[in-house]
Amino acid sequence: MKAIVTGSFDPVTTGHLDLIKRAARIFDEVYAVVFVNPQKDYFFPIGKRTEMLRLACAELENVTVDSSSGFVADYCISHGISVIVRGIRNVRDLDYETEMAAVNRVLGGGLETVFLSARKEFADVSSSAVRQKLYAGEKSADSPWSK
């Protein structure tokens, strides 16, 4: 069974990588896909974000890294993916992701979403916190590529 882990990955964090690794243990094939949201401003361009994600996932044999500017549901349909894997850190994430799951189920013709709760050590890790450290010129322990 194919699954997808989506995000802006701006930048990829240890929390993202943990989610991708956990999905890779559950599903036969996992696509880790960098998506573009035209309403967001990014620290890194999509090519750099995709490159960083590819480097972070290099040792995961059943993970394919890609990028897209379209809809997640359309990507899933075109690649034969039936499950979206999303990480949940808190109630706010759950509320948002539940709404998105309903939209993707309709747009994707029954596309399912599986929620994996964040491990305790990654519950406070976010790309925005890592970006703040990058703006300040610090390396971040929460980013696997900055070590």
C-alpha atoms as a PDB file:
ATOM      1  CA  MET A   1       0.000   0.000   0.000  1.00  0.00           C
ATOM      2  CA  LYS A   2       1.237   3.490  -0.893  1.00  0.00           C
ATOM      3  CA  ALA A   3       1.106   6.446   1.495  1.00  0.00           C
ATOM      4  CA  ILE A   4       2.150  10.082   1.327  1.00  0.00           C
ATOM      5  CA  VAL A   5       3.633  12.446   3.896  1.00  0.00           C
ATOM      6  CA  THR A   6       3.190  16.045   2.776  1.00  0.00           C
ATOM      7  CA  GLY A   7       4.461  19.378   3.951  1.00  0.00           C
ATOM      8  CA  SER A   8       6.266  22.541   3.035  1.00  0.00           C
ATOM      9  CA  PHE A   9       9.379  21.163   4.792  1.00  0.00           C
ATOM     10  CA  ASP A  10      10.730  24.702   5.177  1.00  0.00           C
ATOM     11  CA  PRO A  11      13.029  23.287   6.452  1.00  0.00           C
ATOM     12  CA  VAL A  12      12.699  19.568   7.128  1.00  0.00           C
ATOM     13  CA  THR A  13      12.912  18.902  10.871  1.00  0.00           C
ATOM     14  CA  THR A  14      13.667  15.921  13.089  1.00  0.00           C
ATOM     15  CA  GLY A  15       9.909  15.747  13.713  1.00  0.00           C
ATOM     16  CA  HIS A  16       9.213  15.458   9.974  1.00  0.00           C
ATOM     17  CA  LEU A  17      11.893  12.816   9.593  1.00  0.00           C
ATOM     18  CA  ASP A  18      10.512  10.814  12.511  1.00  0.00           C
ATOM     19  CA  LEU A  19       7.041  10.859  10.924  1.00  0.00           C
ATOM     20  CA  ILE A  20       8.416   9.743   7.550  1.00  0.00           C
ATOM     21  CA  LYS A  21      10.423   6.912   9.148  1.00  0.00           C
ATOM     22  CA  ARG A  22       7.394   5.713  11.104  1.00  0.00           C
ATOM     23  CA  ALA A  23       5.244   5.793   7.958  1.00  0.00           C
ATOM     24  CA  ALA A  24       7.953   3.854   6.096  1.00  0.00           C
ATOM     25  CA  ARG A  25       7.721   1.061   8.697  1.00  0.00           C
ATOM     26  CA  ILE A  26       3.932   0.836   8.272  1.00  0.00           C
ATOM     27  CA  PHE A  27       3.455   1.207   4.497  1.00  0.00           C
ATOM     28  CA  ASP A  28       5.068  -0.548   1.528  1.00  0.00           C
ATOM     29  CA  GLU A  29       5.853   2.703  -0.292  1.00  0.00           C
ATOM     30  CA  VAL A  30       5.945   6.231   1.106  1.00  0.00           C
ATOM     31  CA  TYR A  31       6.102   9.427  -0.884  1.00  0.00           C
ATOM     32  CA  ALA A  32       7.513  12.391   1.038  1.00  0.00           C
ATOM     33  CA  VAL A  33       6.359  15.347  -1.032  1.00  0.00           C
ATOM     34  CA  VAL A  34       7.226  19.015  -0.712  1.00  0.00           C
ATOM     35  CA  PHE A  35       4.138  21.038  -1.607  1.00  0.00           C
ATOM     36  CA  VAL A  36       3.931  24.700  -2.523  1.00  0.00           C
ATOM     37  CA  ASN A  37       1.247  26.850  -0.926  1.00  0.00           C
ATOM     38  CA  PRO A  38       0.975  30.059  -2.979  1.00  0.00           C
ATOM     39  CA  GLN A  39      -0.267  31.892   0.119  1.00  0.00           C
ATOM     40  CA  LYS A  40       2.962  31.240   2.040  1.00  0.00           C
ATOM     41  CA  ASP A  41       6.343  32.899   1.919  1.00  0.00           C
ATOM     42  CA  TYR A  42       9.213  30.441   2.195  1.00  0.00           C
ATOM     43  CA  PHE A  43      12.691  30.695   3.704  1.00  0.00           C
ATOM     44  CA  PHE A  44      14.065  28.183   1.174  1.00  0.00           C
ATOM     45  CA  PRO A  45      13.033  27.784  -2.486  1.00  0.00           C
ATOM     46  CA  ILE A  46      11.262  24.552  -3.415  1.00  0.00           C
ATOM     47  CA  GLY A  47      14.357  23.051  -5.066  1.00  0.00           C
ATOM     48  CA  LYS A  48      16.418  23.488  -1.896  1.00  0.00           C
ATOM     49  CA  ARG A  49      13.605  22.124   0.314  1.00  0.00           C
ATOM     50  CA  THR A  50      13.298  19.073  -1.933  1.00  0.00           C
ATOM     51  CA  GLU A  51      17.074  18.563  -1.917  1.00  0.00           C
ATOM     52  CA  MET A  52      17.215  18.772   1.906  1.00  0.00           C
ATOM     53  CA  LEU A  53      14.328  16.304   2.229  1.00  0.00           C
ATOM     54  CA  ARG A  54      15.997  13.935  -0.261  1.00  0.00           C
ATOM     55  CA  LEU A  55      19.232  14.036   1.761  1.00  0.00           C
ATOM     56  CA  ALA A  56      17.358  13.460   5.033  1.00  0.00           C
ATOM     57  CA  CYS A  57      15.533  10.437   3.565  1.00  0.00           C
ATOM     58  CA  ALA A  58      18.473   8.983   1.619  1.00  0.00           C
ATOM     59  CA  GLU A  59      18.739   5.845   3.752  1.00  0.00           C
ATOM     60  CA  LEU A  60      15.014   5.034   3.640  1.00  0.00           C
ATOM     61  CA  GLU A  61      14.728   2.522   0.802  1.00  0.00           C
ATOM     62  CA  ASN A  62      10.945   2.636   0.430  1.00  0.00           C
ATOM     63  CA  VAL A  63      10.663   6.449   0.489  1.00  0.00           C
ATOM     64  CA  THR A  64      10.426   8.513  -2.683  1.00  0.00           C
ATOM     65  CA  VAL A  65      10.982  12.268  -2.359  1.00  0.00           C
ATOM     66  CA  ASP A  66       9.189  14.578  -4.767  1.00  0.00           C
ATOM     67  CA  SER A  67       7.704  18.068  -5.023  1.00  0.00           C
ATOM     68  CA  SER A  68       4.431  19.443  -6.367  1.00  0.00           C
ATOM     69  CA  SER A  69       2.543  22.676  -6.720  1.00  0.00           C
ATOM     70  CA  GLY A  70      -0.845  21.037  -7.198  1.00  0.00           C
ATOM     71  CA  PHE A  71      -3.442  19.592  -4.855  1.00  0.00           C
ATOM     72  CA  VAL A  72      -2.514  16.687  -2.572  1.00  0.00           C
ATOM     73  CA  ALA A  73      -5.583  14.702  -3.685  1.00  0.00           C
ATOM     74  CA  ASP A  74      -4.655  15.086  -7.364  1.00  0.00           C
ATOM     75  CA  TYR A  75      -1.083  13.979  -6.643  1.00  0.00           C
ATOM     76  CA  CYS A  76      -2.381  10.916  -4.800  1.00  0.00           C
ATOM     77  CA  ILE A  77      -4.743   9.955  -7.614  1.00  0.00           C
ATOM     78  CA  SER A  78      -2.032  10.315 -10.261  1.00  0.00           C
ATOM     79  CA  HIS A  79       0.448   8.212  -8.240  1.00  0.00           C
ATOM     80  CA  GLY A  80      -1.948   5.502  -6.987  1.00  0.00           C
ATOM     81  CA  ILE A  81      -1.608   6.615  -3.355  1.00  0.00           C
ATOM     82  CA  SER A  82      -4.504   5.714  -1.057  1.00  0.00           C
ATOM     83  CA  VAL A  83      -3.389   7.056   2.348  1.00  0.00           C
ATOM     84  CA  ILE A  84      -2.189  10.428   3.624  1.00  0.00           C
ATOM     85  CA  VAL A  85      -0.101  10.272   6.815  1.00  0.00           C
ATOM     86  CA  ARG A  86      -0.197  13.366   9.014  1.00  0.00           C
ATOM     87  CA  GLY A  87       1.554  14.086  12.275  1.00  0.00           C
ATOM     88  CA  ILE A  88      -0.424  15.470  15.198  1.00  0.00           C
ATOM     89  CA  ARG A  89       1.374  17.480  17.907  1.00  0.00           C
ATOM     90  CA  ASN A  90      -1.598  19.007  19.698  1.00  0.00           C
ATOM     91  CA  VAL A  91      -5.355  19.621  19.614  1.00  0.00           C
ATOM     92  CA  ARG A  92      -4.934  22.536  17.204  1.00  0.00           C
ATOM     93  CA  ASP A  93      -3.192  20.214  14.718  1.00  0.00           C
ATOM     94  CA  LEU A  94      -5.947  17.624  15.161  1.00  0.00           C
ATOM     95  CA  ASP A  95      -8.713  20.139  14.435  1.00  0.00           C
ATOM     96  CA  TYR A  96      -6.983  21.425  11.304  1.00  0.00           C
ATOM     97  CA  GLU A  97      -5.958  17.988  10.024  1.00  0.00           C
ATOM     98  CA  THR A  98      -9.449  16.553  10.592  1.00  0.00           C
ATOM     99  CA  GLU A  99     -10.889  19.272   8.349  1.00  0.00           C
ATOM    100  CA  MET A 100      -8.226  18.656   5.706  1.00  0.00           C
ATOM    101  CA  ALA A 101      -8.858  14.891   5.853  1.00  0.00           C
ATOM    102  CA  ALA A 102     -12.543  15.470   5.050  1.00  0.00           C
ATOM    103  CA  VAL A 103     -11.660  17.687   2.079  1.00  0.00           C
ATOM    104  CA  ASN A 104      -9.093  15.203   0.755  1.00  0.00           C
ATOM    105  CA  ARG A 105     -11.528  12.304   1.180  1.00  0.00           C
ATOM    106  CA  VAL A 106     -13.997  14.070  -1.115  1.00  0.00           C
ATOM    107  CA  LEU A 107     -11.439  15.397  -3.631  1.00  0.00           C
ATOM    108  CA  GLY A 108      -9.518  12.117  -3.654  1.00  0.00           C
ATOM    109  CA  GLY A 109     -12.509   9.815  -4.116  1.00  0.00           C
ATOM    110  CA  GLY A 110     -12.221   8.145  -0.715  1.00  0.00           C
ATOM    111  CA  LEU A 111      -8.610   8.996   0.059  1.00  0.00           C
ATOM    112  CA  GLU A 112      -7.966   8.148   3.718  1.00  0.00           C
ATOM    113  CA  THR A 113      -5.877  10.061   6.241  1.00  0.00           C
ATOM    114  CA  VAL A 114      -4.020   8.352   9.079  1.00  0.00           C
ATOM    115  CA  PHE A 115      -2.889  10.449  12.040  1.00  0.00           C
ATOM    116  CA  LEU A 116       0.272   9.575  13.954  1.00  0.00           C
ATOM    117  CA  SER A 117       0.757  11.399  17.210  1.00  0.00           C
ATOM    118  CA  ALA A 118       4.119  13.088  17.585  1.00  0.00           C
ATOM    119  CA  ARG A 119       6.597  11.446  19.886  1.00  0.00           C
ATOM    120  CA  LYS A 120       7.042  13.430  23.075  1.00  0.00           C
ATOM    121  CA  GLU A 121      10.545  14.589  22.140  1.00  0.00           C
ATOM    122  CA  PHE A 122       9.236  16.069  18.862  1.00  0.00           C
ATOM    123  CA  ALA A 123       5.961  17.573  20.090  1.00  0.00           C
ATOM    124  CA  ASP A 124       7.417  21.090  20.227  1.00  0.00           C
ATOM    125  CA  VAL A 125       9.493  20.874  17.036  1.00  0.00           C
ATOM    126  CA  SER A 126       8.251  23.070  14.203  1.00  0.00           C
ATOM    127  CA  SER A 127       9.695  24.425  10.986  1.00  0.00           C
ATOM    128  CA  SER A 128       8.855  27.959  12.090  1.00  0.00           C
ATOM    129  CA  ALA A 129      10.967  27.556  15.260  1.00  0.00           C
ATOM    130  CA  VAL A 130      13.860  26.199  13.191  1.00  0.00           C
ATOM    131  CA  ARG A 131      13.504  29.123  10.739  1.00  0.00           C
ATOM    132  CA  GLN A 132      13.688  31.586  13.646  1.00  0.00           C
ATOM    133  CA  LYS A 133      16.990  30.010  14.681  1.00  0.00           C
ATOM    134  CA  LEU A 134      18.231  30.192  11.102  1.00  0.00           C
ATOM    135  CA  TYR A 135      17.324  33.885  10.890  1.00  0.00           C
ATOM    136  CA  ALA A 136      19.343  34.379  14.071  1.00  0.00           C
ATOM    137  CA  GLY A 137      22.302  32.535  12.522  1.00  0.00           C
ATOM    138  CA  GLU A 138      22.080  29.517  14.826  1.00  0.00           C
ATOM    139  CA  LYS A 139      22.313  25.872  13.873  1.00  0.00           C
ATOM    140  CA  SER A 140      19.343  23.883  15.095  1.00  0.00           C
ATOM    141  CA  ALA A 141      19.352  20.465  16.709  1.00  0.00           C
ATOM    142  CA  ASP A 142      15.810  20.102  15.350  1.00  0.00           C
ATOM    143  CA  SER A 143      16.999  20.117  11.758  1.00  0.00           C
ATOM    144  CA  PRO A 144      18.767  16.942  10.586  1.00  0.00           C
ATOM    145  CA  TRP A 145      20.724  18.743   7.842  1.00  0.00           C
ATOM    146  CA  SER A 146      22.198  21.526   9.999  1.00  0.00           C
ATOM    147  CA  LYS A 147      24.495  19.275  12.029  1.00  0.00           C
END
